[in-house]
Amino acid sequence: MNNVTIKDVAKESGVSTATVSRVLSNKGYASNEIREKVLSTAKRLNYQPNALARSLKNQQTYTIGVVIPDIANPYFMKISKGIEDTVYKNNYNLIFASAEEQPIKEKQLLNVLFEKRVDAIVLATSGQNEETVEKIKKSGIPIILVDRELKEHDESIDFIAEDNCKAAFELTNHLLKQGHSKIGVINGSLQVSTGLERFNGFKEAIKENGLELNPDFIYNGNFNQEDGEKAIKLFFEKKDKPTAIVSFNNTMSFGALLQLTRMGYSLPQDVVMASFGEVEAAQLLKSPKIVYVNQSPYEMGVRVGEILMNRLLNHEKEPIIEKFRPKLMLT
């Protein structure tokens, strides 16, 4: 029998729906004989509780929506893993969605999660959709921004991120102190807070060392592998080539590393590579010596999960804004 309801179980058991409800929820009195009869009938009919109806009644779905820009990016999946490991202990489950760096799609996904009555939302935003976020916040659903903030920053919304500007400054400054003045920079989208903050850190380091920006060595991409590949082609097809590359996203860094290998360049003999985020594929190369910013996505996810549980279980309302400090590493 398909779509078995509590009324079907009651009819087959010869008892009222109220009695079946008490037995199945294990609340209220029912004799052992009635209890056994109802349970055996429910099992025989393969009765499954209606989760949606139960959630509407309790006004809880025990689900948390997570909207990230790229579900294939290991960085965002590690954040998600940290969230999941933390909230699952309290019987919450995650619903994932990838906005693909598209503000319109992001808005649609936020509205779907809102309509599905998730208990909370985690958002790594494209930088827009302030109105949608405000609508969700005013409804009473906790919403946490992770890694990226909105263009119009709202300090009443929880925000967990990294100190992008400072880390990008240190990454660039490391190359400059090694004597590199011709540095090709591969940016992520400057419409996104992380992309803009990292480029600002780069510019600060250039200025502090008495140099000027060279537009021939600047490529503005969109945090994907293809942009890393395109940037390298652009830089190394020029007569005046960079001696070092700094890429402000691990996925773009992988694309850059891949294209450098295709073009026959060796690291660090021919060009030095610096990356915001570890390029795990570099471990397959023989002594690549890639300088990178060591990020903490899993730990950030854990912190997001802790804040969510404080919001949902302890009803804490004081907004939290925290920034993790990445460290420079050398492979």
Protein backbone atom coordinates (compact mmCIF):
# COMPACT_ATOMS: atom_id res chain seq x y z
CA MET A 1 0.00 0.00 0.00
CA ASN A 2 1.41 3.43 -0.97
CA ASN A 3 1.02 6.70 0.97
CA VAL A 4 -0.25 5.01 4.08
CA THR A 5 -1.67 7.53 6.54
CA ILE A 6 -2.31 7.47 10.26
CA LYS A 7 -6.02 7.02 9.43
CA ASP A 8 -5.20 3.80 7.54
CA VAL A 9 -3.31 2.45 10.54
CA ALA A 10 -6.20 3.38 12.83
CA LYS A 11 -8.78 1.69 10.56
CA GLU A 12 -6.75 -1.53 10.28
CA SER A 13 -6.08 -1.56 14.03
CA GLY A 14 -9.70 -0.83 14.97
CA VAL A 15 -8.75 2.15 17.14
CA SER A 16 -8.99 5.93 16.88
CA THR A 17 -6.42 8.11 15.12
CA ALA A 18 -5.73 9.77 18.48
CA THR A 19 -4.75 6.39 19.95
CA VAL A 20 -2.48 5.64 17.00
CA SER A 21 -0.88 9.07 17.40
CA ARG A 22 -0.19 8.43 21.10
CA VAL A 23 1.38 5.05 20.38
CA LEU A 24 3.55 6.18 17.48
CA SER A 25 4.75 9.30 19.28
CA ASN A 26 5.15 7.35 22.53
CA LYS A 27 3.20 10.05 24.35
CA GLY A 28 0.14 9.40 26.50
CA TYR A 29 -1.43 6.16 27.74
CA ALA A 30 -2.22 3.05 25.69
CA SER A 31 -2.49 -0.51 26.98
CA ASN A 32 0.25 -2.96 26.06
CA GLU A 33 -2.22 -4.91 23.92
CA ILE A 34 -3.29 -1.81 21.93
CA ARG A 35 0.30 -0.60 21.65
CA GLU A 36 1.49 -3.91 20.22
CA LYS A 37 -1.45 -4.06 17.81
CA VAL A 38 -0.87 -0.53 16.48
CA LEU A 39 2.87 -1.03 16.09
CA SER A 40 2.50 -4.35 14.27
CA THR A 41 -0.14 -2.86 11.95
CA ALA A 42 2.06 0.17 11.19
CA LYS A 43 4.94 -2.14 10.38
CA ARG A 44 2.81 -4.41 8.19
CA LEU A 45 1.44 -1.44 6.23
CA ASN A 46 4.94 0.10 6.00
CA TYR A 47 3.66 3.32 7.52
CA GLN A 48 6.12 6.26 7.25
CA PRO A 49 5.52 9.41 9.33
CA ASN A 50 4.86 12.55 7.29
CA ALA A 51 7.97 14.61 8.00
CA LEU A 52 6.53 17.73 6.39
CA ALA A 53 3.34 17.62 8.43
CA ARG A 54 5.33 17.02 11.60
CA SER A 55 7.68 19.94 10.83
CA LEU A 56 4.74 22.28 10.20
CA LYS A 57 3.19 21.29 13.49
CA ASN A 58 6.45 21.72 15.43
CA GLN A 59 7.62 24.67 13.32
CA GLN A 60 10.97 22.89 12.96
CA THR A 61 12.38 20.95 10.04
CA TYR A 62 15.82 20.16 11.51
CA THR A 63 17.33 21.24 8.21
CA ILE A 64 19.88 23.96 7.48
CA GLY A 65 20.29 25.40 4.00
CA VAL A 66 23.83 26.03 2.75
CA VAL A 67 24.29 28.18 -0.37
CA ILE A 68 27.85 28.24 -1.72
CA PRO A 69 29.25 29.64 -4.99
CA ASP A 70 30.89 26.44 -6.21
CA ILE A 71 29.99 23.01 -4.90
CA ALA A 72 33.05 21.53 -6.68
CA ASN A 73 35.52 23.78 -4.84
CA PRO A 74 37.22 21.79 -2.02
CA TYR A 75 37.45 24.97 0.08
CA PHE A 76 33.68 25.39 0.32
CA MET A 77 33.11 21.67 0.79
CA LYS A 78 35.51 21.69 3.76
CA ILE A 79 33.51 24.56 5.26
CA SER A 80 30.35 22.54 4.71
CA LYS A 81 31.94 19.47 6.28
CA GLY A 82 32.80 21.47 9.40
CA ILE A 83 29.21 22.72 9.64
CA GLU A 84 27.76 19.25 9.13
CA ASP A 85 30.01 17.57 11.69
CA THR A 86 28.92 20.15 14.27
CA VAL A 87 25.16 20.34 13.68
CA TYR A 88 24.60 16.62 13.02
CA LYS A 89 25.28 15.92 16.70
CA ASN A 90 22.02 17.76 17.38
CA ASN A 91 20.07 15.90 14.67
CA TYR A 92 20.24 18.69 12.08
CA ASN A 93 20.89 17.93 8.41
CA LEU A 94 22.20 20.15 5.61
CA ILE A 95 20.66 20.99 2.24
CA PHE A 96 23.34 22.09 -0.25
CA ALA A 97 22.91 24.44 -3.20
CA SER A 98 25.44 25.95 -5.61
CA ALA A 99 24.81 29.49 -6.86
CA GLU A 100 27.68 29.32 -9.37
CA GLU A 101 28.68 32.94 -8.72
CA GLN A 102 25.32 34.07 -10.15
CA PRO A 103 23.39 36.61 -8.02
CA ILE A 104 20.06 35.77 -9.71
CA LYS A 105 20.45 32.06 -9.04
CA GLU A 106 21.56 32.80 -5.50
CA LYS A 107 18.37 34.80 -4.90
CA GLN A 108 16.24 31.96 -6.27
CA LEU A 109 17.97 29.42 -4.03
CA LEU A 110 17.54 31.59 -0.95
CA ASN A 111 13.83 31.94 -1.66
CA VAL A 112 13.45 28.19 -2.19
CA LEU A 113 15.13 27.44 1.14
CA PHE A 114 12.98 30.09 2.82
CA GLU A 115 9.82 28.54 1.37
CA LYS A 116 10.97 25.05 2.42
CA ARG A 117 11.04 26.34 5.99
CA VAL A 118 14.66 25.46 6.76
CA ASP A 119 15.58 26.35 10.32
CA ALA A 120 18.66 28.40 9.34
CA ILE A 121 20.68 29.43 6.29
CA VAL A 122 24.44 29.67 5.69
CA LEU A 123 25.42 31.86 2.74
CA ALA A 124 28.71 32.40 0.89
CA THR A 125 27.32 35.26 -1.15
CA SER A 126 28.02 36.71 -4.57
CA GLY A 127 27.95 40.04 -2.75
CA GLN A 128 24.42 41.03 -3.64
CA ASN A 129 20.86 40.09 -2.57
CA GLU A 130 20.78 42.34 0.48
CA GLU A 131 16.99 42.62 0.29
CA THR A 132 16.48 38.85 0.25
CA VAL A 133 18.87 38.37 3.16
CA GLU A 134 17.09 41.12 5.10
CA LYS A 135 13.72 39.46 4.44
CA ILE A 136 15.01 36.15 5.79
CA LYS A 137 16.57 37.81 8.85
CA LYS A 138 13.34 39.69 9.67
CA SER A 139 11.37 36.44 9.46
CA GLY A 140 13.33 35.14 12.42
CA ILE A 141 15.34 32.53 10.48
CA PRO A 142 19.02 32.75 11.50
CA ILE A 143 21.26 33.51 8.52
CA ILE A 144 25.06 33.43 8.69
CA LEU A 145 27.45 34.82 6.11
CA VAL A 146 30.61 32.76 5.65
CA ASP A 147 33.79 33.70 3.76
CA ARG A 148 32.08 36.57 1.92
CA GLU A 149 30.08 39.58 3.00
CA LEU A 150 27.39 41.63 1.32
CA LYS A 151 28.26 44.83 -0.55
CA GLU A 152 26.28 46.76 2.05
CA HIS A 153 27.71 45.26 5.22
CA ASP A 154 25.19 44.63 7.99
CA GLU A 155 26.83 44.14 11.39
CA SER A 156 23.61 42.67 12.79
CA ILE A 157 24.23 39.51 10.69
CA ASP A 158 26.68 36.83 11.83
CA PHE A 159 29.81 36.82 9.65
CA ILE A 160 32.71 34.34 9.71
CA ALA A 161 35.58 34.94 7.30
CA GLU A 162 39.34 35.23 6.87
CA ASP A 163 41.50 38.34 7.05
CA ASN A 164 41.84 38.44 3.27
CA CYS A 165 43.52 41.82 2.92
CA LYS A 166 46.24 41.10 5.50
CA ALA A 167 46.97 37.62 4.14
CA ALA A 168 47.17 38.88 0.53
CA PHE A 169 49.52 41.65 1.66
CA GLU A 170 51.85 39.15 3.33
CA LEU A 171 51.73 36.79 0.34
CA THR A 172 52.65 39.58 -2.09
CA ASN A 173 55.21 41.10 0.26
CA HIS A 174 56.98 37.75 0.47
CA LEU A 175 57.52 37.77 -3.29
CA LEU A 176 58.65 41.40 -3.28
CA LYS A 177 61.21 40.74 -0.53
CA GLN A 178 62.61 37.93 -2.70
CA GLY A 179 63.36 40.54 -5.35
CA HIS A 180 60.40 40.03 -7.68
CA SER A 181 59.10 43.28 -9.15
CA LYS A 182 57.33 41.72 -12.15
CA ILE A 183 54.44 39.90 -10.48
CA GLY A 184 51.46 38.64 -12.47
CA VAL A 185 48.32 38.81 -10.33
CA ILE A 186 45.30 36.61 -10.97
CA ASN A 187 42.25 38.09 -9.25
CA GLY A 188 38.93 36.55 -8.47
CA SER A 189 35.81 38.61 -9.09
CA LEU A 190 36.22 42.12 -7.71
CA GLN A 191 32.42 42.19 -7.25
CA VAL A 192 32.88 39.71 -4.40
CA SER A 193 34.29 40.86 -1.06
CA THR A 194 37.05 38.22 -0.97
CA GLY A 195 38.27 39.13 -4.46
CA LEU A 196 38.30 42.86 -3.73
CA GLU A 197 39.95 42.50 -0.31
CA ARG A 198 42.74 40.29 -1.65
CA PHE A 199 43.47 42.65 -4.54
CA ASN A 200 43.53 45.56 -2.08
CA GLY A 201 46.10 43.67 -0.01
CA PHE A 202 48.18 43.15 -3.16
CA LYS A 203 48.00 46.85 -4.02
CA GLU A 204 49.02 47.86 -0.49
CA ALA A 205 52.12 45.66 -0.67
CA ILE A 206 53.07 47.05 -4.09
CA LYS A 207 52.66 50.63 -2.86
CA GLU A 208 54.56 50.04 0.39
CA ASN A 209 57.52 48.70 -1.58
CA GLY A 210 57.63 51.80 -3.78
CA LEU A 211 56.34 50.17 -6.96
CA GLU A 212 53.46 50.93 -9.29
CA LEU A 213 50.77 48.61 -10.64
CA ASN A 214 51.44 47.24 -14.11
CA PRO A 215 48.12 46.71 -15.93
CA ASP A 216 49.84 44.18 -18.23
CA PHE A 217 50.32 41.92 -15.22
CA ILE A 218 46.75 42.08 -13.87
CA TYR A 219 44.07 39.55 -14.81
CA ASN A 220 40.57 39.79 -13.34
CA GLY A 221 38.85 36.41 -13.33
CA ASN A 222 36.01 34.70 -11.56
CA PHE A 223 37.51 32.13 -9.17
CA ASN A 224 37.59 29.23 -11.66
CA GLN A 225 40.26 27.01 -13.22
CA GLU A 226 39.79 28.38 -16.73
CA ASP A 227 40.67 31.89 -15.57
CA GLY A 228 43.95 30.62 -14.12
CA GLU A 229 44.80 29.06 -17.47
CA LYS A 230 43.81 32.17 -19.44
CA ALA A 231 45.86 34.44 -17.18
CA ILE A 232 49.04 32.45 -17.73
CA LYS A 233 48.53 32.47 -21.50
CA LEU A 234 48.04 36.24 -21.39
CA PHE A 235 51.10 36.90 -19.20
CA PHE A 236 53.54 34.61 -20.99
CA GLU A 237 52.60 35.51 -24.53
CA LYS A 238 54.00 38.99 -23.84
CA LYS A 239 57.59 39.92 -24.52
CA ASP A 240 58.01 41.19 -20.97
CA LYS A 241 57.10 38.23 -18.78
CA PRO A 242 56.50 38.08 -15.02
CA THR A 243 59.04 36.34 -12.80
CA ALA A 244 56.39 35.46 -10.23
CA ILE A 245 52.66 34.73 -10.18
CA VAL A 246 50.26 35.38 -7.31
CA SER A 247 46.81 33.81 -7.62
CA PHE A 248 44.08 34.75 -5.18
CA ASN A 249 42.11 31.50 -5.22
CA ASN A 250 43.21 27.85 -5.07
CA THR A 251 41.07 26.82 -8.06
CA MET A 252 42.57 29.55 -10.25
CA SER A 253 45.99 28.57 -8.91
CA PHE A 254 45.46 25.01 -10.12
CA GLY A 255 44.58 26.31 -13.58
CA ALA A 256 47.68 28.52 -13.59
CA LEU A 257 49.90 25.64 -12.49
CA LEU A 258 48.39 23.40 -15.14
CA GLN A 259 49.00 25.95 -17.92
CA LEU A 260 52.56 26.68 -16.80
CA THR A 261 53.28 22.94 -16.99
CA ARG A 262 51.74 22.73 -20.46
CA MET A 263 53.91 25.60 -21.66
CA GLY A 264 57.05 23.93 -20.38
CA TYR A 265 57.82 26.22 -17.44
CA SER A 266 59.38 24.78 -14.29
CA LEU A 267 58.76 25.94 -10.73
CA PRO A 268 60.57 27.67 -9.15
CA GLN A 269 63.41 27.76 -11.71
CA ASP A 270 61.49 29.66 -14.41
CA VAL A 271 58.77 31.32 -12.37
CA VAL A 272 57.76 31.48 -8.71
CA MET A 273 54.16 30.64 -7.81
CA ALA A 274 52.20 32.02 -4.86
CA SER A 275 48.62 31.02 -4.08
CA PHE A 276 45.86 32.13 -1.74
CA GLY A 277 44.98 28.62 -0.59
CA GLU A 278 46.88 25.37 -0.93
CA VAL A 279 47.08 23.75 -4.37
CA GLU A 280 46.83 20.09 -3.40
CA ALA A 281 47.81 18.91 -6.90
CA ALA A 282 51.21 20.56 -6.40
CA GLN A 283 52.11 17.70 -4.08
CA LEU A 284 52.41 15.51 -7.19
CA LEU A 285 55.19 17.71 -8.58
CA LYS A 286 58.82 17.35 -7.67
CA SER A 287 59.78 20.15 -5.29
CA PRO A 288 57.43 22.85 -6.65
CA LYS A 289 58.12 25.23 -3.72
CA ILE A 290 54.78 27.01 -4.03
CA VAL A 291 54.23 29.74 -1.47
CA TYR A 292 50.65 29.67 -0.27
CA VAL A 293 48.28 31.02 2.33
CA ASN A 294 47.18 28.19 4.59
CA GLN A 295 43.44 28.57 5.13
CA SER A 296 41.18 27.00 7.77
CA PRO A 297 37.89 26.18 5.99
CA TYR A 298 36.98 23.21 8.21
CA GLU A 299 37.57 25.20 11.39
CA MET A 300 35.50 28.05 9.97
CA GLY A 301 32.70 25.57 9.26
CA VAL A 302 32.86 24.25 12.82
CA ARG A 303 32.57 27.79 14.15
CA VAL A 304 29.57 28.46 11.90
CA GLY A 305 27.97 25.26 13.20
CA GLU A 306 28.54 26.33 16.81
CA ILE A 307 26.92 29.71 16.19
CA LEU A 308 23.96 28.03 14.48
CA MET A 309 23.40 25.73 17.44
CA ASN A 310 23.55 28.68 19.83
CA ARG A 311 20.94 30.44 17.73
CA LEU A 312 18.63 27.43 17.35
CA LEU A 313 19.02 25.69 20.72
CA ASN A 314 19.97 28.47 23.12
CA HIS A 315 18.20 31.32 21.28
CA GLU A 316 21.23 33.62 21.53
CA LYS A 317 20.79 36.79 19.49
CA GLU A 318 23.99 38.83 19.91
CA PRO A 319 25.60 39.06 16.41
CA ILE A 320 29.05 37.53 15.99
CA ILE A 321 31.72 38.74 13.56
CA GLU A 322 34.98 36.78 13.53
CA LYS A 323 37.96 36.63 11.20
CA PHE A 324 40.45 33.80 10.95
CA ARG A 325 44.12 34.65 10.30
CA PRO A 326 45.68 32.57 7.49
CA LYS A 327 49.42 31.74 7.62
CA LEU A 328 52.09 31.71 4.92
CA MET A 329 53.40 28.24 4.03
CA LEU A 330 56.08 26.89 1.69
CA THR A 331 55.76 23.43 0.08
